[in-house]
Amino acid sequence: MKVSEAMTAQVVTAAPADSVQKVAGIMLNIDSGAVPIVEDGKVVGLITDRDIVLQVVAKGGQLSTPVSDVMSGEVQTCKEDDNLADAAAQMASHQIRRLVVANDTGKLVGILSLGDIAVDYGAKVVGKTLEEISTDNDA
């Protein structure tokens, strides 16, 4: 099965200058825990609800902080034609729960989450991936 068959294709993005509050509102509206940050058509980061809590809320930061100050700049990606099992293995090896999906020209075409894999590929792969993430984090 290919990544394109399981990914979420309708992705809402934000800009690096957008405030943490604006992006948190986007997360609320689309019921998602992650938003890709795009500049000039290229994904430059990813911000998660966890990033907001740990980098802003827990530190008493300002909701007006630009997401560029909080986002993860090193974004793991895969291609839409990649094998789904390979993408799941990539998530496990990097201890992440989401991959940004790009086409052959590098344009954002979707997000692949463990939830997407669970629905379309099976709980067995997700369970193994979560087990590997948990085991690596406990070390």
N, C-alpha and C. Protein backbone atom coordinates (compact mmCIF):
# COMPACT_ATOMS: atom_id res chain seq x y z
N MET A 1 0.85 -1.18 0.00
CA MET A 1 0.00 0.00 0.00
C MET A 1 0.90 1.24 0.00
N LYS A 2 0.49 2.26 -0.76
CA LYS A 2 1.27 3.50 -0.86
C LYS A 2 0.80 4.52 0.19
N VAL A 3 1.70 5.42 0.53
CA VAL A 3 1.40 6.50 1.47
C VAL A 3 0.19 7.29 0.99
N SER A 4 0.10 7.56 -0.30
CA SER A 4 -1.00 8.36 -0.84
C SER A 4 -2.37 7.75 -0.57
N GLU A 5 -2.42 6.45 -0.34
CA GLU A 5 -3.68 5.78 -0.09
C GLU A 5 -4.14 5.92 1.36
N ALA A 6 -3.25 6.34 2.25
CA ALA A 6 -3.59 6.42 3.67
C ALA A 6 -3.52 7.84 4.24
N MET A 7 -2.76 8.71 3.60
CA MET A 7 -2.51 10.05 4.14
C MET A 7 -3.77 10.91 4.15
N THR A 8 -3.71 11.97 4.94
CA THR A 8 -4.72 13.01 4.93
C THR A 8 -4.27 14.03 3.90
N ALA A 9 -5.06 14.21 2.85
CA ALA A 9 -4.65 15.07 1.74
C ALA A 9 -5.04 16.53 1.93
N GLN A 10 -6.10 16.80 2.67
CA GLN A 10 -6.53 18.18 2.87
C GLN A 10 -5.82 18.73 4.10
N VAL A 11 -4.72 19.44 3.86
CA VAL A 11 -3.88 19.93 4.95
C VAL A 11 -4.00 21.45 5.05
N VAL A 12 -4.25 21.91 6.25
CA VAL A 12 -4.28 23.35 6.51
C VAL A 12 -2.90 23.73 7.02
N THR A 13 -2.35 24.80 6.49
CA THR A 13 -1.01 25.24 6.86
C THR A 13 -1.05 26.61 7.52
N ALA A 14 0.09 27.00 8.06
CA ALA A 14 0.25 28.33 8.64
C ALA A 14 1.58 28.90 8.17
N ALA A 15 1.77 30.18 8.40
CA ALA A 15 3.01 30.86 8.01
C ALA A 15 3.89 31.04 9.24
N PRO A 16 5.21 31.15 9.05
CA PRO A 16 6.13 31.30 10.18
C PRO A 16 5.82 32.50 11.08
N ALA A 17 5.26 33.56 10.52
CA ALA A 17 4.97 34.76 11.31
C ALA A 17 3.65 34.68 12.05
N ASP A 18 2.83 33.67 11.76
CA ASP A 18 1.55 33.53 12.47
C ASP A 18 1.80 33.31 13.95
N SER A 19 0.89 33.82 14.76
CA SER A 19 1.04 33.69 16.21
C SER A 19 0.69 32.28 16.68
N VAL A 20 1.21 31.93 17.82
CA VAL A 20 0.89 30.65 18.44
C VAL A 20 -0.62 30.56 18.66
N GLN A 21 -1.23 31.65 19.09
CA GLN A 21 -2.67 31.65 19.32
C GLN A 21 -3.45 31.37 18.03
N LYS A 22 -3.03 31.98 16.93
CA LYS A 22 -3.71 31.75 15.66
C LYS A 22 -3.61 30.28 15.26
N VAL A 23 -2.42 29.71 15.41
CA VAL A 23 -2.21 28.31 15.02
C VAL A 23 -2.97 27.37 15.96
N ALA A 24 -3.03 27.70 17.24
CA ALA A 24 -3.82 26.89 18.17
C ALA A 24 -5.29 26.92 17.76
N GLY A 25 -5.77 28.07 17.30
CA GLY A 25 -7.14 28.18 16.80
C GLY A 25 -7.36 27.32 15.57
N ILE A 26 -6.37 27.29 14.69
CA ILE A 26 -6.44 26.43 13.51
C ILE A 26 -6.56 24.97 13.95
N MET A 27 -5.72 24.57 14.91
CA MET A 27 -5.76 23.20 15.41
C MET A 27 -7.14 22.85 15.96
N LEU A 28 -7.72 23.80 16.69
CA LEU A 28 -9.06 23.58 17.24
C LEU A 28 -10.09 23.41 16.12
N ASN A 29 -10.03 24.28 15.13
CA ASN A 29 -11.02 24.27 14.04
C ASN A 29 -10.93 23.02 13.17
N ILE A 30 -9.73 22.51 12.96
CA ILE A 30 -9.59 21.34 12.08
C ILE A 30 -9.43 20.05 12.87
N ASP A 31 -9.47 20.14 14.19
CA ASP A 31 -9.34 18.97 15.06
C ASP A 31 -8.07 18.18 14.76
N SER A 32 -6.94 18.91 14.83
CA SER A 32 -5.65 18.30 14.55
C SER A 32 -4.63 18.76 15.58
N GLY A 33 -3.68 17.93 15.84
CA GLY A 33 -2.63 18.27 16.80
C GLY A 33 -1.36 18.76 16.15
N ALA A 34 -1.38 18.97 14.84
CA ALA A 34 -0.18 19.43 14.14
C ALA A 34 -0.56 20.26 12.92
N VAL A 35 0.25 21.28 12.66
CA VAL A 35 0.05 22.14 11.49
C VAL A 35 1.42 22.37 10.84
N PRO A 36 1.54 22.06 9.55
CA PRO A 36 2.78 22.37 8.84
C PRO A 36 2.93 23.88 8.66
N ILE A 37 4.16 24.34 8.77
CA ILE A 37 4.46 25.76 8.57
C ILE A 37 5.10 25.90 7.19
N VAL A 38 4.47 26.71 6.34
CA VAL A 38 4.89 26.82 4.94
C VAL A 38 5.29 28.26 4.63
N GLU A 39 6.40 28.38 3.92
CA GLU A 39 6.86 29.69 3.47
C GLU A 39 7.32 29.55 2.02
N ASP A 40 6.82 30.41 1.17
CA ASP A 40 7.15 30.37 -0.26
C ASP A 40 6.92 28.98 -0.86
N GLY A 41 5.83 28.35 -0.44
CA GLY A 41 5.46 27.06 -0.99
C GLY A 41 6.24 25.87 -0.45
N LYS A 42 7.14 26.11 0.48
CA LYS A 42 7.97 25.04 1.02
C LYS A 42 7.69 24.84 2.51
N VAL A 43 7.63 23.58 2.95
CA VAL A 43 7.44 23.31 4.37
C VAL A 43 8.74 23.63 5.09
N VAL A 44 8.67 24.57 6.04
CA VAL A 44 9.85 24.98 6.79
C VAL A 44 9.81 24.52 8.24
N GLY A 45 8.68 23.95 8.64
CA GLY A 45 8.55 23.49 10.01
C GLY A 45 7.23 22.81 10.24
N LEU A 46 7.09 22.32 11.45
CA LEU A 46 5.85 21.68 11.88
C LEU A 46 5.66 22.06 13.34
N ILE A 47 4.46 22.49 13.67
CA ILE A 47 4.17 22.81 15.07
C ILE A 47 3.07 21.87 15.56
N THR A 48 3.26 21.37 16.75
CA THR A 48 2.28 20.47 17.35
C THR A 48 1.69 21.10 18.60
N ASP A 49 0.58 20.53 19.04
CA ASP A 49 -0.02 21.00 20.29
C ASP A 49 0.98 20.82 21.43
N ARG A 50 1.78 19.77 21.37
CA ARG A 50 2.80 19.53 22.40
C ARG A 50 3.85 20.65 22.39
N ASP A 51 4.27 21.10 21.20
CA ASP A 51 5.22 22.21 21.10
C ASP A 51 4.66 23.45 21.80
N ILE A 52 3.39 23.73 21.56
CA ILE A 52 2.77 24.91 22.17
C ILE A 52 2.74 24.79 23.69
N VAL A 53 2.37 23.63 24.17
CA VAL A 53 2.30 23.45 25.63
C VAL A 53 3.68 23.55 26.27
N LEU A 54 4.65 22.86 25.72
CA LEU A 54 5.98 22.82 26.35
C LEU A 54 6.80 24.08 26.12
N GLN A 55 6.66 24.70 24.95
CA GLN A 55 7.50 25.85 24.63
C GLN A 55 6.87 27.20 24.97
N VAL A 56 5.56 27.24 25.12
CA VAL A 56 4.89 28.52 25.39
C VAL A 56 4.17 28.47 26.74
N VAL A 57 3.20 27.59 26.86
CA VAL A 57 2.36 27.57 28.05
C VAL A 57 3.18 27.25 29.31
N ALA A 58 3.95 26.19 29.28
CA ALA A 58 4.71 25.78 30.47
C ALA A 58 5.76 26.80 30.88
N LYS A 59 6.22 27.59 29.93
CA LYS A 59 7.25 28.60 30.22
C LYS A 59 6.67 29.99 30.44
N GLY A 60 5.34 30.09 30.46
CA GLY A 60 4.70 31.39 30.68
C GLY A 60 4.90 32.34 29.52
N GLY A 61 5.04 31.80 28.32
CA GLY A 61 5.26 32.62 27.13
C GLY A 61 4.01 33.32 26.66
N GLN A 62 4.19 34.12 25.64
CA GLN A 62 3.10 34.92 25.09
C GLN A 62 2.43 34.20 23.93
N LEU A 63 1.12 34.26 23.88
CA LEU A 63 0.39 33.66 22.78
C LEU A 63 0.63 34.39 21.46
N SER A 64 1.18 35.58 21.53
CA SER A 64 1.51 36.35 20.33
C SER A 64 2.85 35.92 19.72
N THR A 65 3.56 35.02 20.38
CA THR A 65 4.84 34.53 19.87
C THR A 65 4.66 33.95 18.47
N PRO A 66 5.56 34.30 17.54
CA PRO A 66 5.45 33.69 16.21
C PRO A 66 5.76 32.20 16.27
N VAL A 67 5.04 31.43 15.47
CA VAL A 67 5.26 29.98 15.50
C VAL A 67 6.68 29.60 15.07
N SER A 68 7.34 30.46 14.33
CA SER A 68 8.72 30.17 13.93
C SER A 68 9.64 30.03 15.14
N ASP A 69 9.27 30.63 16.27
CA ASP A 69 10.07 30.52 17.50
C ASP A 69 9.80 29.22 18.25
N VAL A 70 8.74 28.51 17.87
CA VAL A 70 8.29 27.34 18.64
C VAL A 70 8.31 26.05 17.81
N MET A 71 8.18 26.16 16.52
CA MET A 71 8.03 24.99 15.65
C MET A 71 9.28 24.13 15.62
N SER A 72 9.09 22.89 15.22
CA SER A 72 10.20 22.00 14.94
C SER A 72 10.64 22.30 13.52
N GLY A 73 11.91 22.66 13.37
CA GLY A 73 12.42 23.03 12.05
C GLY A 73 12.87 21.85 11.21
N GLU A 74 13.24 20.77 11.87
CA GLU A 74 13.66 19.58 11.14
C GLU A 74 12.44 18.68 10.95
N VAL A 75 11.87 18.75 9.77
CA VAL A 75 10.64 18.02 9.48
C VAL A 75 10.97 16.74 8.72
N GLN A 76 10.49 15.63 9.23
CA GLN A 76 10.65 14.36 8.54
C GLN A 76 9.60 14.27 7.45
N THR A 77 10.01 13.88 6.26
CA THR A 77 9.09 13.79 5.14
C THR A 77 9.16 12.42 4.49
N CYS A 78 8.16 12.14 3.71
CA CYS A 78 8.14 10.97 2.84
C CYS A 78 7.46 11.38 1.55
N LYS A 79 7.53 10.52 0.57
CA LYS A 79 6.90 10.78 -0.72
C LYS A 79 5.55 10.08 -0.78
N GLU A 80 4.66 10.61 -1.55
CA GLU A 80 3.32 10.03 -1.66
C GLU A 80 3.34 8.64 -2.28
N ASP A 81 4.38 8.32 -3.04
CA ASP A 81 4.49 7.00 -3.66
C ASP A 81 5.26 6.00 -2.81
N ASP A 82 5.76 6.42 -1.63
CA ASP A 82 6.49 5.51 -0.74
C ASP A 82 5.58 4.41 -0.23
N ASN A 83 6.18 3.31 0.13
CA ASN A 83 5.47 2.19 0.74
C ASN A 83 5.06 2.58 2.15
N LEU A 84 3.83 2.28 2.52
CA LEU A 84 3.30 2.65 3.83
C LEU A 84 4.10 2.00 4.97
N ALA A 85 4.53 0.77 4.79
CA ALA A 85 5.32 0.09 5.81
C ALA A 85 6.65 0.80 6.02
N ASP A 86 7.25 1.30 4.94
CA ASP A 86 8.51 2.05 5.06
C ASP A 86 8.29 3.35 5.81
N ALA A 87 7.17 4.02 5.55
CA ALA A 87 6.86 5.26 6.26
C ALA A 87 6.66 5.00 7.75
N ALA A 88 5.98 3.90 8.08
CA ALA A 88 5.78 3.53 9.49
C ALA A 88 7.12 3.24 10.15
N ALA A 89 8.02 2.59 9.44
CA ALA A 89 9.35 2.31 9.98
C ALA A 89 10.13 3.61 10.19
N GLN A 90 9.95 4.56 9.29
CA GLN A 90 10.61 5.86 9.43
C GLN A 90 10.10 6.58 10.69
N MET A 91 8.80 6.53 10.92
CA MET A 91 8.24 7.13 12.13
C MET A 91 8.85 6.49 13.37
N ALA A 92 8.95 5.19 13.37
CA ALA A 92 9.50 4.48 14.53
C ALA A 92 10.96 4.85 14.74
N SER A 93 11.73 4.89 13.67
CA SER A 93 13.16 5.16 13.83
C SER A 93 13.44 6.59 14.29
N HIS A 94 12.54 7.52 13.96
CA HIS A 94 12.71 8.92 14.38
C HIS A 94 11.85 9.27 15.59
N GLN A 95 11.11 8.29 16.11
CA GLN A 95 10.26 8.46 17.28
C GLN A 95 9.27 9.61 17.11
N ILE A 96 8.58 9.59 15.98
CA ILE A 96 7.59 10.62 15.68
C ILE A 96 6.26 9.97 15.33
N ARG A 97 5.21 10.77 15.36
CA ARG A 97 3.87 10.27 15.10
C ARG A 97 3.27 10.79 13.80
N ARG A 98 4.02 11.65 13.09
CA ARG A 98 3.51 12.23 11.85
C ARG A 98 4.66 12.43 10.87
N LEU A 99 4.34 12.30 9.58
CA LEU A 99 5.27 12.63 8.50
C LEU A 99 4.59 13.60 7.55
N VAL A 100 5.34 14.58 7.09
CA VAL A 100 4.86 15.46 6.03
C VAL A 100 5.06 14.70 4.72
N VAL A 101 4.04 14.71 3.88
CA VAL A 101 4.09 13.98 2.61
C VAL A 101 4.27 15.00 1.48
N ALA A 102 5.27 14.74 0.63
CA ALA A 102 5.56 15.62 -0.49
C ALA A 102 5.48 14.84 -1.80
N ASN A 103 5.26 15.58 -2.88
CA ASN A 103 5.30 14.93 -4.19
C ASN A 103 6.72 14.98 -4.72
N ASP A 104 6.91 14.58 -5.97
CA ASP A 104 8.26 14.52 -6.53
C ASP A 104 8.93 15.88 -6.66
N THR A 105 8.15 16.96 -6.68
CA THR A 105 8.72 18.29 -6.77
C THR A 105 8.93 18.93 -5.40
N GLY A 106 8.60 18.20 -4.35
CA GLY A 106 8.79 18.70 -2.99
C GLY A 106 7.61 19.47 -2.44
N LYS A 107 6.52 19.55 -3.18
CA LYS A 107 5.34 20.27 -2.72
C LYS A 107 4.56 19.45 -1.70
N LEU A 108 4.09 20.10 -0.66
CA LEU A 108 3.27 19.46 0.36
C LEU A 108 1.99 18.94 -0.26
N VAL A 109 1.73 17.63 -0.05
CA VAL A 109 0.50 17.04 -0.58
C VAL A 109 -0.31 16.35 0.50
N GLY A 110 0.24 16.25 1.71
CA GLY A 110 -0.51 15.60 2.77
C GLY A 110 0.28 15.43 4.04
N ILE A 111 -0.39 14.84 5.01
CA ILE A 111 0.21 14.47 6.30
C ILE A 111 -0.14 13.01 6.53
N LEU A 112 0.83 12.26 6.99
CA LEU A 112 0.58 10.86 7.36
C LEU A 112 0.79 10.73 8.85
N SER A 113 -0.25 10.28 9.54
CA SER A 113 -0.16 10.09 10.99
C SER A 113 -0.30 8.61 11.33
N LEU A 114 0.05 8.29 12.55
CA LEU A 114 -0.15 6.91 13.00
C LEU A 114 -1.62 6.53 12.92
N GLY A 115 -2.50 7.48 13.16
CA GLY A 115 -3.93 7.22 13.05
C GLY A 115 -4.33 6.85 11.63
N ASP A 116 -3.74 7.52 10.64
CA ASP A 116 -4.02 7.19 9.24
C ASP A 116 -3.58 5.76 8.94
N ILE A 117 -2.43 5.41 9.47
CA ILE A 117 -1.90 4.06 9.24
C ILE A 117 -2.80 3.03 9.92
N ALA A 118 -3.27 3.35 11.10
CA ALA A 118 -4.12 2.41 11.85
C ALA A 118 -5.40 2.11 11.08
N VAL A 119 -5.99 3.13 10.48
CA VAL A 119 -7.23 2.95 9.75
C VAL A 119 -7.01 2.14 8.48
N ASP A 120 -5.92 2.44 7.77
CA ASP A 120 -5.75 1.85 6.45
C ASP A 120 -4.75 0.70 6.38
N TYR A 121 -3.93 0.54 7.38
CA TYR A 121 -2.89 -0.48 7.30
C TYR A 121 -3.00 -1.51 8.39
N GLY A 122 -3.58 -1.09 9.50
CA GLY A 122 -3.82 -2.06 10.55
C GLY A 122 -3.18 -1.70 11.86
N ALA A 123 -3.84 -2.10 12.91
CA ALA A 123 -3.37 -1.80 14.27
C ALA A 123 -2.06 -2.49 14.58
N LYS A 124 -1.76 -3.58 13.91
CA LYS A 124 -0.52 -4.31 14.17
C LYS A 124 0.70 -3.43 13.91
N VAL A 125 0.72 -2.73 12.79
CA VAL A 125 1.85 -1.87 12.45
C VAL A 125 1.93 -0.71 13.42
N VAL A 126 0.78 -0.10 13.75
CA VAL A 126 0.77 1.02 14.69
C VAL A 126 1.26 0.57 16.05
N GLY A 127 0.78 -0.58 16.51
CA GLY A 127 1.21 -1.10 17.80
C GLY A 127 2.71 -1.32 17.83
N LYS A 128 3.25 -1.88 16.77
CA LYS A 128 4.70 -2.11 16.71
C LYS A 128 5.45 -0.79 16.71
N THR A 129 4.96 0.19 15.95
CA THR A 129 5.60 1.50 15.88
C THR A 129 5.57 2.19 17.24
N LEU A 130 4.41 2.18 17.91
CA LEU A 130 4.30 2.78 19.24
C LEU A 130 5.20 2.07 20.24
N GLU A 131 5.28 0.75 20.14
CA GLU A 131 6.15 -0.02 21.02
C GLU A 131 7.60 0.39 20.84
N GLU A 132 8.03 0.56 19.60
CA GLU A 132 9.41 0.98 19.32
C GLU A 132 9.66 2.39 19.84
N ILE A 133 8.68 3.29 19.65
CA ILE A 133 8.83 4.66 20.15
C ILE A 133 8.95 4.64 21.66
N SER A 134 8.07 3.91 22.34
CA SER A 134 8.08 3.84 23.81
C SER A 134 9.36 3.22 24.32
N THR A 135 9.81 2.16 23.68
CA THR A 135 11.04 1.48 24.12
C THR A 135 12.23 2.41 23.97
N ASP A 136 12.30 3.13 22.85
CA ASP A 136 13.42 4.05 22.62
C ASP A 136 13.39 5.21 23.60
N ASN A 137 12.20 5.70 23.95
CA ASN A 137 12.09 6.82 24.88
C ASN A 137 12.42 6.42 26.30
N ASP A 138 12.23 5.14 26.65
CA ASP A 138 12.52 4.68 28.00
C ASP A 138 14.00 4.47 28.23
N ALA A 139 14.77 4.37 27.17
CA ALA A 139 16.21 4.08 27.28
C ALA A 139 16.97 5.27 27.81
